[in-house]
N, C-alpha and C. Protein backbone atom coordinates (compact mmCIF):
# COMPACT_ATOMS: atom_id res chain seq x y z
N UNK A 1 99.59 97.70 58.39
CA UNK A 1 100.71 96.79 58.55
C UNK A 1 100.90 96.48 60.02
N UNK A 2 100.85 97.51 60.94
CA UNK A 2 101.00 97.29 62.36
C UNK A 2 99.77 96.44 62.91
N UNK A 3 98.61 96.67 62.29
CA UNK A 3 97.36 96.00 62.73
C UNK A 3 97.50 94.50 62.39
N UNK A 4 98.08 94.13 61.24
CA UNK A 4 98.30 92.81 60.87
C UNK A 4 99.29 92.08 61.78
N UNK A 5 100.43 92.72 62.09
CA UNK A 5 101.41 92.19 62.95
C UNK A 5 100.81 92.01 64.39
N UNK A 6 100.07 93.04 64.80
CA UNK A 6 99.41 92.91 66.13
C UNK A 6 98.45 91.69 66.17
N UNK A 7 97.62 91.56 65.16
CA UNK A 7 96.66 90.45 65.03
C UNK A 7 97.40 89.13 65.05
N UNK A 8 98.45 88.98 64.33
CA UNK A 8 99.20 87.73 64.25
C UNK A 8 99.86 87.38 65.59
N UNK A 9 100.32 88.42 66.30
CA UNK A 9 100.83 88.32 67.66
C UNK A 9 99.86 87.79 68.62
N UNK A 10 98.60 88.42 68.62
CA UNK A 10 97.53 87.96 69.50
C UNK A 10 97.14 86.57 69.18
N UNK A 11 96.97 86.22 67.90
CA UNK A 11 96.62 84.80 67.53
C UNK A 11 97.73 83.78 67.94
N UNK A 12 98.97 84.17 67.77
CA UNK A 12 100.00 83.33 68.26
C UNK A 12 99.95 83.06 69.70
N UNK A 13 99.75 84.11 70.57
CA UNK A 13 99.59 84.04 71.97
C UNK A 13 98.45 83.15 72.35
N UNK A 14 97.25 83.34 71.65
CA UNK A 14 96.11 82.46 71.99
C UNK A 14 96.41 81.01 71.69
N UNK A 15 96.97 80.74 70.45
CA UNK A 15 97.29 79.35 70.13
C UNK A 15 98.36 78.75 71.02
N UNK A 16 99.28 79.57 71.41
CA UNK A 16 100.31 79.10 72.34
C UNK A 16 99.79 78.67 73.65
N UNK A 17 98.94 79.54 74.22
CA UNK A 17 98.21 79.22 75.50
C UNK A 17 97.39 77.91 75.29
N UNK A 18 96.61 77.88 74.21
CA UNK A 18 95.75 76.65 73.97
C UNK A 18 96.58 75.42 73.90
N UNK A 19 97.70 75.41 73.12
CA UNK A 19 98.54 74.30 73.08
C UNK A 19 99.22 73.92 74.37
N UNK A 20 99.59 74.91 75.14
CA UNK A 20 100.19 74.67 76.50
C UNK A 20 99.19 74.02 77.39
N UNK A 21 98.01 74.51 77.34
CA UNK A 21 96.95 73.96 78.25
C UNK A 21 96.64 72.52 77.84
N UNK A 22 96.44 72.21 76.56
CA UNK A 22 96.06 70.88 76.13
C UNK A 22 97.27 69.92 76.39
N UNK A 23 98.52 70.43 76.35
CA UNK A 23 99.70 69.42 76.58
C UNK A 23 99.72 69.09 78.04
N UNK A 24 99.29 70.01 78.99
CA UNK A 24 99.26 69.64 80.38
C UNK A 24 97.98 68.83 80.71
N UNK A 25 96.85 69.23 80.17
CA UNK A 25 95.61 68.55 80.43
C UNK A 25 95.55 67.11 79.93
N UNK A 26 96.07 66.84 78.72
CA UNK A 26 96.00 65.49 78.18
C UNK A 26 97.27 64.82 78.16
N UNK A 27 98.13 65.07 79.10
CA UNK A 27 99.51 64.41 79.25
C UNK A 27 99.32 62.91 79.60
N UNK A 28 100.01 62.08 78.88
CA UNK A 28 100.06 60.56 79.15
C UNK A 28 101.23 60.32 80.09
N UNK A 29 100.98 59.72 81.17
CA UNK A 29 101.87 59.48 82.22
C UNK A 29 102.51 58.02 82.02
N UNK A 30 103.40 57.94 80.99
CA UNK A 30 104.13 56.67 80.84
C UNK A 30 103.17 55.63 80.09
N UNK A 31 103.73 54.42 80.01
CA UNK A 31 103.10 53.38 79.35
C UNK A 31 102.24 52.61 80.30
N UNK A 32 100.88 52.55 80.10
CA UNK A 32 100.06 51.79 81.04
C UNK A 32 100.29 50.34 81.13
N UNK A 33 100.83 49.74 80.04
CA UNK A 33 101.13 48.34 79.97
C UNK A 33 102.19 47.95 80.99
N UNK A 34 103.20 48.87 81.07
CA UNK A 34 104.29 48.67 82.04
C UNK A 34 103.73 48.58 83.44
N UNK A 35 102.80 49.55 83.79
CA UNK A 35 102.24 49.55 85.16
C UNK A 35 101.39 48.32 85.39
N UNK A 36 100.72 47.82 84.38
CA UNK A 36 99.88 46.57 84.60
C UNK A 36 100.86 45.35 84.74
N UNK A 37 101.91 45.30 84.01
CA UNK A 37 102.92 44.20 84.16
C UNK A 37 103.50 44.34 85.52
N UNK A 38 103.87 45.57 85.93
CA UNK A 38 104.49 45.70 87.30
C UNK A 38 103.50 45.33 88.39
N UNK A 39 102.26 45.44 88.23
CA UNK A 39 101.27 45.07 89.28
C UNK A 39 101.24 43.56 89.40
N UNK A 40 101.65 42.76 88.39
CA UNK A 40 101.69 41.35 88.54
C UNK A 40 102.97 40.86 89.17
N UNK A 41 103.99 41.68 89.29
CA UNK A 41 105.26 41.28 89.92
C UNK A 41 105.23 41.37 91.45
N UNK A 42 106.00 40.70 92.22
CA UNK A 42 105.86 40.60 93.70
C UNK A 42 106.36 41.81 94.41
N UNK A 43 107.03 42.77 93.76
CA UNK A 43 107.45 44.03 94.35
C UNK A 43 108.47 43.73 95.46
N UNK A 44 109.36 42.80 95.26
CA UNK A 44 110.43 42.58 96.24
C UNK A 44 111.62 43.41 95.97
N UNK A 45 111.80 43.97 94.79
CA UNK A 45 112.95 44.79 94.49
C UNK A 45 114.33 44.09 94.78
N UNK A 46 114.30 42.74 94.57
CA UNK A 46 115.48 42.05 94.96
C UNK A 46 116.60 41.96 94.03
N UNK A 47 116.39 42.19 92.72
CA UNK A 47 117.43 42.14 91.70
C UNK A 47 117.78 40.72 91.26
N UNK A 48 116.97 39.74 91.62
CA UNK A 48 117.35 38.33 91.19
C UNK A 48 117.03 38.12 89.72
N UNK A 49 116.25 38.99 89.04
CA UNK A 49 116.04 38.95 87.68
C UNK A 49 117.06 39.70 86.86
N UNK A 50 118.10 40.20 87.48
CA UNK A 50 119.23 40.90 86.91
C UNK A 50 118.79 42.40 86.63
N UNK A 51 117.66 42.83 87.14
CA UNK A 51 117.24 44.26 87.02
C UNK A 51 117.23 44.81 88.52
N UNK A 52 117.29 46.10 88.64
CA UNK A 52 117.47 46.71 89.93
C UNK A 52 116.18 46.76 90.70
N UNK A 53 115.08 46.39 90.05
CA UNK A 53 113.73 46.38 90.75
C UNK A 53 112.69 45.82 89.77
N UNK A 54 111.48 45.78 90.32
CA UNK A 54 110.37 45.19 89.54
C UNK A 54 110.02 46.08 88.39
N UNK A 55 109.95 47.37 88.64
CA UNK A 55 109.56 48.35 87.54
C UNK A 55 110.52 48.31 86.31
N UNK A 56 111.81 48.30 86.52
CA UNK A 56 112.69 48.13 85.35
C UNK A 56 112.47 46.84 84.57
N UNK A 57 112.28 45.73 85.39
CA UNK A 57 111.98 44.44 84.78
C UNK A 57 110.78 44.45 83.95
N UNK A 58 109.63 45.15 84.55
CA UNK A 58 108.42 45.32 83.82
C UNK A 58 108.59 46.10 82.50
N UNK A 59 109.43 47.11 82.56
CA UNK A 59 109.73 47.85 81.33
C UNK A 59 110.41 47.00 80.29
N UNK A 60 111.36 46.18 80.73
CA UNK A 60 111.99 45.29 79.80
C UNK A 60 111.01 44.20 79.13
N UNK A 61 110.13 43.74 79.88
CA UNK A 61 109.16 42.81 79.50
C UNK A 61 108.27 43.47 78.41
N UNK A 62 107.85 44.65 78.75
CA UNK A 62 106.93 45.42 77.82
C UNK A 62 107.68 45.76 76.49
N UNK A 63 108.97 45.96 76.58
CA UNK A 63 109.70 46.24 75.35
C UNK A 63 110.30 44.97 74.66
N UNK A 64 109.75 43.82 75.12
CA UNK A 64 110.25 42.53 74.53
C UNK A 64 111.78 42.35 74.58
N UNK A 65 112.39 42.89 75.69
CA UNK A 65 113.87 42.73 75.83
C UNK A 65 114.27 41.52 76.71
N UNK A 66 113.26 40.93 77.39
CA UNK A 66 113.53 39.88 78.33
C UNK A 66 112.33 38.90 78.38
N UNK A 67 112.62 37.66 78.70
CA UNK A 67 111.54 36.74 78.89
C UNK A 67 110.77 36.85 80.11
N UNK A 68 109.61 36.37 80.26
CA UNK A 68 108.74 36.46 81.46
C UNK A 68 109.08 35.52 82.59
N UNK A 69 110.12 34.78 82.49
CA UNK A 69 110.44 33.77 83.42
C UNK A 69 111.61 34.03 84.34
N UNK A 70 111.94 35.33 84.48
CA UNK A 70 113.15 35.75 85.26
C UNK A 70 112.88 35.96 86.75
N UNK A 71 111.60 36.11 87.06
CA UNK A 71 111.29 36.44 88.55
C UNK A 71 111.22 35.23 89.36
N UNK A 72 112.28 34.94 90.17
CA UNK A 72 112.40 33.80 91.02
C UNK A 72 111.42 33.94 92.21
N UNK A 73 111.37 35.09 92.92
CA UNK A 73 110.53 35.24 94.04
C UNK A 73 108.96 35.06 93.71
N UNK A 74 108.64 35.48 92.49
CA UNK A 74 107.20 35.39 92.06
C UNK A 74 106.83 34.03 91.69
N UNK A 75 107.89 33.20 91.22
CA UNK A 75 107.71 31.81 90.94
C UNK A 75 106.84 31.58 89.73
N UNK A 76 106.35 30.37 89.64
CA UNK A 76 105.52 29.92 88.48
C UNK A 76 104.22 30.69 88.35
N UNK A 77 103.65 31.03 89.59
CA UNK A 77 102.36 31.72 89.49
C UNK A 77 102.46 33.08 88.82
N UNK A 78 103.53 33.84 89.10
CA UNK A 78 103.78 35.12 88.52
C UNK A 78 104.03 34.93 86.97
N UNK A 79 104.86 33.95 86.64
CA UNK A 79 105.08 33.67 85.17
C UNK A 79 103.89 33.36 84.43
N UNK A 80 102.98 32.54 85.04
CA UNK A 80 101.73 32.17 84.41
C UNK A 80 100.72 33.46 84.27
N UNK A 81 100.75 34.23 85.32
CA UNK A 81 99.86 35.43 85.28
C UNK A 81 100.40 36.37 84.13
N UNK A 82 101.72 36.54 84.00
CA UNK A 82 102.28 37.35 83.00
C UNK A 82 102.02 36.76 81.63
N UNK A 83 102.05 35.50 81.41
CA UNK A 83 101.82 34.85 80.18
C UNK A 83 100.37 35.03 79.83
N UNK A 84 99.47 34.85 80.69
CA UNK A 84 98.02 35.14 80.37
C UNK A 84 97.76 36.60 80.05
N UNK A 85 98.34 37.43 80.80
CA UNK A 85 98.14 38.97 80.59
C UNK A 85 98.72 39.35 79.28
N UNK A 86 99.85 38.86 78.92
CA UNK A 86 100.50 39.28 77.68
C UNK A 86 100.25 38.39 76.49
N UNK A 87 99.39 37.36 76.70
CA UNK A 87 99.01 36.48 75.69
C UNK A 87 100.31 35.80 75.08
N UNK A 88 101.17 35.34 75.93
CA UNK A 88 102.45 34.67 75.49
C UNK A 88 102.38 33.21 76.00
N UNK A 89 103.24 32.47 75.42
CA UNK A 89 103.40 31.11 75.86
C UNK A 89 104.10 30.99 77.22
N UNK A 90 103.60 30.18 78.12
CA UNK A 90 104.29 30.07 79.43
C UNK A 90 105.61 29.28 79.20
N UNK A 91 106.68 29.69 79.80
CA UNK A 91 107.98 28.99 79.73
C UNK A 91 108.43 28.65 81.13
N UNK A 92 109.27 27.66 81.26
CA UNK A 92 109.70 27.22 82.61
C UNK A 92 110.55 28.39 83.16
N UNK A 93 110.56 28.41 84.52
CA UNK A 93 111.39 29.42 85.26
C UNK A 93 112.82 29.22 84.91
N UNK A 94 113.56 30.35 85.06
CA UNK A 94 114.95 30.36 84.75
C UNK A 94 115.71 29.46 85.69
N UNK A 95 115.29 29.25 86.92
CA UNK A 95 116.01 28.40 87.89
C UNK A 95 115.08 27.24 88.14
N UNK A 96 115.56 26.11 88.62
CA UNK A 96 114.83 24.98 89.00
C UNK A 96 113.87 25.34 90.16
N UNK A 97 112.79 24.59 90.31
CA UNK A 97 111.67 24.90 91.25
C UNK A 97 112.24 24.84 92.66
N UNK A 98 113.22 23.86 92.97
CA UNK A 98 113.68 23.74 94.34
C UNK A 98 114.55 24.90 94.77
N UNK A 99 115.01 25.72 93.84
CA UNK A 99 115.80 26.93 94.24
C UNK A 99 114.96 28.11 94.67
N UNK A 100 113.66 28.10 94.12
CA UNK A 100 112.77 29.17 94.44
C UNK A 100 112.42 29.14 95.91
N UNK A 101 112.81 30.10 96.70
CA UNK A 101 112.62 30.03 98.16
C UNK A 101 111.24 30.42 98.62
N UNK A 102 110.87 29.98 99.80
CA UNK A 102 109.61 30.50 100.35
C UNK A 102 109.89 31.91 100.89
N UNK A 103 108.89 32.52 101.42
CA UNK A 103 108.99 33.90 101.90
C UNK A 103 110.02 33.93 103.03
N UNK A 104 111.01 34.79 102.92
CA UNK A 104 112.05 34.82 103.97
C UNK A 104 112.05 36.27 104.65
N UNK A 105 112.59 36.27 105.84
CA UNK A 105 112.71 37.49 106.65
C UNK A 105 114.14 37.63 107.10
N UNK A 106 114.70 38.79 107.00
CA UNK A 106 116.07 39.06 107.55
C UNK A 106 115.94 39.26 109.08
N UNK A 107 116.87 38.68 109.74
CA UNK A 107 116.97 38.76 111.28
C UNK A 107 118.33 39.18 111.53
N UNK A 108 118.48 40.26 112.27
CA UNK A 108 119.82 40.82 112.69
C UNK A 108 120.13 40.36 114.11
N UNK A 109 121.27 39.73 114.27
CA UNK A 109 121.70 39.48 115.61
C UNK A 109 122.27 40.84 116.20
N UNK A 110 121.40 41.36 116.99
CA UNK A 110 121.78 42.77 117.36
C UNK A 110 122.95 42.85 118.36
N UNK A 111 123.30 41.82 119.01
CA UNK A 111 124.59 41.82 119.78
C UNK A 111 125.87 41.87 118.98
N UNK A 112 125.75 41.32 117.74
CA UNK A 112 126.91 41.24 116.87
C UNK A 112 126.99 42.45 115.98
N UNK A 113 125.84 43.19 115.78
CA UNK A 113 125.81 44.37 114.85
C UNK A 113 126.78 45.39 115.31
N UNK A 114 127.59 45.94 114.36
CA UNK A 114 128.52 46.97 114.67
C UNK A 114 128.04 48.38 114.21
N UNK A 115 126.87 48.46 113.55
CA UNK A 115 126.30 49.67 113.19
C UNK A 115 126.95 50.34 112.01
N UNK A 116 127.33 49.53 111.05
CA UNK A 116 128.08 50.10 109.88
C UNK A 116 127.17 50.77 108.81
N UNK A 117 125.86 50.50 108.90
CA UNK A 117 124.80 51.08 107.99
C UNK A 117 124.83 50.52 106.60
N UNK A 118 125.73 49.49 106.24
CA UNK A 118 125.81 49.02 104.96
C UNK A 118 124.45 48.26 104.59
N UNK A 119 123.81 47.63 105.60
CA UNK A 119 122.60 46.93 105.32
C UNK A 119 121.46 47.94 105.05
N UNK A 120 121.46 49.08 105.73
CA UNK A 120 120.43 50.09 105.51
C UNK A 120 120.58 50.63 104.08
N UNK A 121 121.75 50.84 103.62
CA UNK A 121 121.94 51.37 102.28
C UNK A 121 121.60 50.32 101.21
N UNK A 122 121.73 49.06 101.50
CA UNK A 122 121.46 48.00 100.49
C UNK A 122 119.99 47.67 100.39
N UNK A 123 119.23 47.97 101.47
CA UNK A 123 117.83 47.55 101.54
C UNK A 123 116.97 48.39 100.54
N UNK A 124 116.39 47.74 99.57
CA UNK A 124 115.65 48.55 98.57
C UNK A 124 114.30 49.04 99.08
N UNK A 125 113.80 48.44 100.17
CA UNK A 125 112.46 48.91 100.69
C UNK A 125 112.50 49.62 102.00
N UNK A 126 113.70 49.92 102.46
CA UNK A 126 113.89 50.66 103.76
C UNK A 126 113.21 49.85 104.93
N UNK A 127 113.56 48.59 104.97
CA UNK A 127 113.02 47.73 106.05
C UNK A 127 113.94 47.65 107.26
N UNK A 128 115.10 48.23 107.20
CA UNK A 128 116.07 48.16 108.23
C UNK A 128 116.16 49.54 108.95
N UNK A 129 116.07 49.53 110.22
CA UNK A 129 116.10 50.73 111.07
C UNK A 129 117.27 50.66 111.91
N UNK A 130 118.00 51.85 111.94
CA UNK A 130 119.19 51.97 112.80
C UNK A 130 119.92 53.32 112.46
N UNK A 131 121.04 53.43 113.18
CA UNK A 131 121.89 54.65 113.00
C UNK A 131 123.25 54.24 113.01
N UNK A 132 124.17 55.09 112.45
CA UNK A 132 125.67 54.70 112.47
C UNK A 132 126.13 54.48 113.94
N UNK A 133 126.88 53.36 114.02
CA UNK A 133 127.47 52.95 115.32
C UNK A 133 126.49 52.51 116.37
N UNK A 134 125.25 52.26 115.93
CA UNK A 134 124.23 51.75 116.86
C UNK A 134 123.68 50.47 116.17
N UNK A 135 123.04 49.65 116.97
CA UNK A 135 122.54 48.36 116.43
C UNK A 135 121.35 48.64 115.50
N UNK A 136 121.20 47.70 114.59
CA UNK A 136 120.08 47.84 113.59
C UNK A 136 119.02 46.73 113.89
N UNK A 137 117.84 47.00 113.34
CA UNK A 137 116.84 45.99 113.47
C UNK A 137 116.02 46.02 112.19
N UNK A 138 115.32 44.95 111.95
CA UNK A 138 114.47 44.77 110.72
C UNK A 138 113.02 45.05 111.08
N UNK A 139 112.40 45.79 110.23
CA UNK A 139 110.87 45.95 110.33
C UNK A 139 110.32 44.84 109.51
N UNK A 140 109.83 43.83 110.31
CA UNK A 140 109.34 42.63 109.70
C UNK A 140 108.28 42.83 108.58
N UNK A 141 107.35 43.67 108.87
CA UNK A 141 106.23 43.93 107.91
C UNK A 141 106.71 44.50 106.64
N UNK A 142 107.95 45.10 106.63
CA UNK A 142 108.38 45.76 105.41
C UNK A 142 109.39 44.89 104.60
N UNK A 143 110.03 43.92 105.26
CA UNK A 143 111.06 43.07 104.66
C UNK A 143 110.50 42.23 103.60
N UNK A 144 111.10 42.25 102.46
CA UNK A 144 110.66 41.37 101.33
C UNK A 144 111.51 40.10 101.17
N UNK A 145 112.55 39.93 101.97
CA UNK A 145 113.36 38.72 101.90
C UNK A 145 114.27 38.70 100.70
N UNK A 146 114.68 39.80 100.19
CA UNK A 146 115.56 39.82 99.02
C UNK A 146 117.00 39.39 99.24
N UNK A 147 117.39 39.33 100.44
CA UNK A 147 118.74 38.94 100.84
C UNK A 147 119.85 39.91 100.41
N UNK A 148 119.57 41.08 100.02
CA UNK A 148 120.62 42.01 99.66
C UNK A 148 121.39 42.58 100.86
N UNK A 149 120.76 42.53 102.05
CA UNK A 149 121.44 43.03 103.22
C UNK A 149 122.48 41.97 103.67
N UNK A 150 122.20 40.76 103.55
CA UNK A 150 123.06 39.63 103.94
C UNK A 150 124.42 39.74 103.24
N UNK A 151 124.42 40.08 101.91
CA UNK A 151 125.53 40.13 101.08
C UNK A 151 126.52 41.22 101.58
N UNK A 152 126.03 42.33 102.00
CA UNK A 152 126.94 43.46 102.29
C UNK A 152 127.32 43.55 103.79
N UNK A 153 126.77 42.71 104.62
CA UNK A 153 127.13 42.73 106.10
C UNK A 153 128.50 42.28 106.33
N UNK A 154 129.45 43.12 106.92
CA UNK A 154 130.78 42.66 107.05
C UNK A 154 130.99 41.78 108.22
N UNK A 155 130.06 41.73 109.07
CA UNK A 155 130.29 40.80 110.26
C UNK A 155 129.33 39.65 110.33
N UNK A 156 128.58 39.41 109.25
CA UNK A 156 127.73 38.24 109.09
C UNK A 156 126.71 38.12 110.22
N UNK A 157 126.14 39.26 110.59
CA UNK A 157 125.18 39.14 111.75
C UNK A 157 123.74 39.13 111.23
N UNK A 158 123.51 39.02 109.94
CA UNK A 158 122.13 38.98 109.39
C UNK A 158 121.91 37.52 108.80
N UNK A 159 120.85 36.95 109.28
CA UNK A 159 120.50 35.63 108.75
C UNK A 159 119.09 35.76 108.15
N UNK A 160 118.75 34.83 107.27
CA UNK A 160 117.48 34.73 106.69
C UNK A 160 116.73 33.61 107.30
N UNK A 161 115.48 33.88 107.71
CA UNK A 161 114.62 32.85 108.28
C UNK A 161 113.30 32.74 107.55
N UNK A 162 112.75 31.55 107.29
CA UNK A 162 111.53 31.36 106.66
C UNK A 162 110.43 31.98 107.51
N UNK A 163 109.44 32.61 106.85
CA UNK A 163 108.25 33.19 107.56
C UNK A 163 107.20 32.12 107.44
N UNK A 164 106.68 31.76 108.55
CA UNK A 164 105.55 30.71 108.52
C UNK A 164 104.36 31.44 108.01
N UNK A 165 103.53 30.67 107.26
CA UNK A 165 102.23 31.24 106.72
C UNK A 165 101.21 31.15 107.84
N UNK A 166 100.80 32.32 108.27
CA UNK A 166 99.65 32.42 109.26
C UNK A 166 98.61 33.29 108.67
N UNK A 167 97.53 33.28 109.30
CA UNK A 167 96.36 34.17 108.82
C UNK A 167 96.77 35.65 108.80
N UNK A 168 97.57 36.08 109.73
CA UNK A 168 97.91 37.53 109.73
C UNK A 168 98.95 37.81 108.64
N UNK A 169 99.71 36.83 108.15
CA UNK A 169 100.74 37.10 107.08
C UNK A 169 100.26 36.61 105.73
N UNK A 170 99.08 36.23 105.63
CA UNK A 170 98.65 35.62 104.33
C UNK A 170 98.50 36.70 103.30
N UNK A 171 98.89 36.44 102.06
CA UNK A 171 98.79 37.44 101.01
C UNK A 171 97.84 36.87 100.04
N UNK A 172 96.78 37.58 99.78
CA UNK A 172 95.80 37.13 98.76
C UNK A 172 96.38 37.21 97.40
N UNK A 173 96.20 36.26 96.53
CA UNK A 173 96.76 36.33 95.16
C UNK A 173 96.09 37.39 94.42
N UNK A 174 96.94 37.92 93.42
CA UNK A 174 96.39 38.94 92.49
C UNK A 174 95.22 38.28 91.73
N UNK A 175 94.19 39.11 91.46
CA UNK A 175 92.93 38.47 90.75
C UNK A 175 93.36 37.78 89.42
N UNK A 176 94.35 38.24 88.75
CA UNK A 176 94.75 37.61 87.54
C UNK A 176 95.44 36.21 87.77
N UNK A 177 95.86 35.97 88.95
CA UNK A 177 96.57 34.75 89.24
C UNK A 177 95.64 33.65 89.78
N UNK A 178 94.34 33.92 89.84
CA UNK A 178 93.36 32.97 90.32
C UNK A 178 92.92 32.12 89.11
């Protein structure tokens, strides 16, 4: 009787270790479709699609909760790439074409900045550098032009300026958008 209980205990331990190992070894890290949809989005994290970032919007698209035409910064090219990838019908953008902006860059008037840090807290990509009660500045290479910092600035010292397309600022299109 003790031998049987001992053998069952040893077998339970072996199977438990085997199941634990396989659950760690063969773990699936989320839905790969969501990651592929997210790779087609412009990664501006601007919230103009009514989601807090590109990844939650990609999740909603993958779950068929929202249409593929909500991304204004991505424009028609992103919508067409998503339609091709997901084998869906292309649909017009949610906003008219003239509303879709070109690439913008936040510019802080450093003489008017009071150092309140509201823009730093609002920036989804940490493109604003500064400290409390000190002037702030924008890291141009990191700024996505989402305009979230403009909304929260209490002294209106942040303006958006179009970024001219130059060879150093050119962004190659995603292979699926060609």
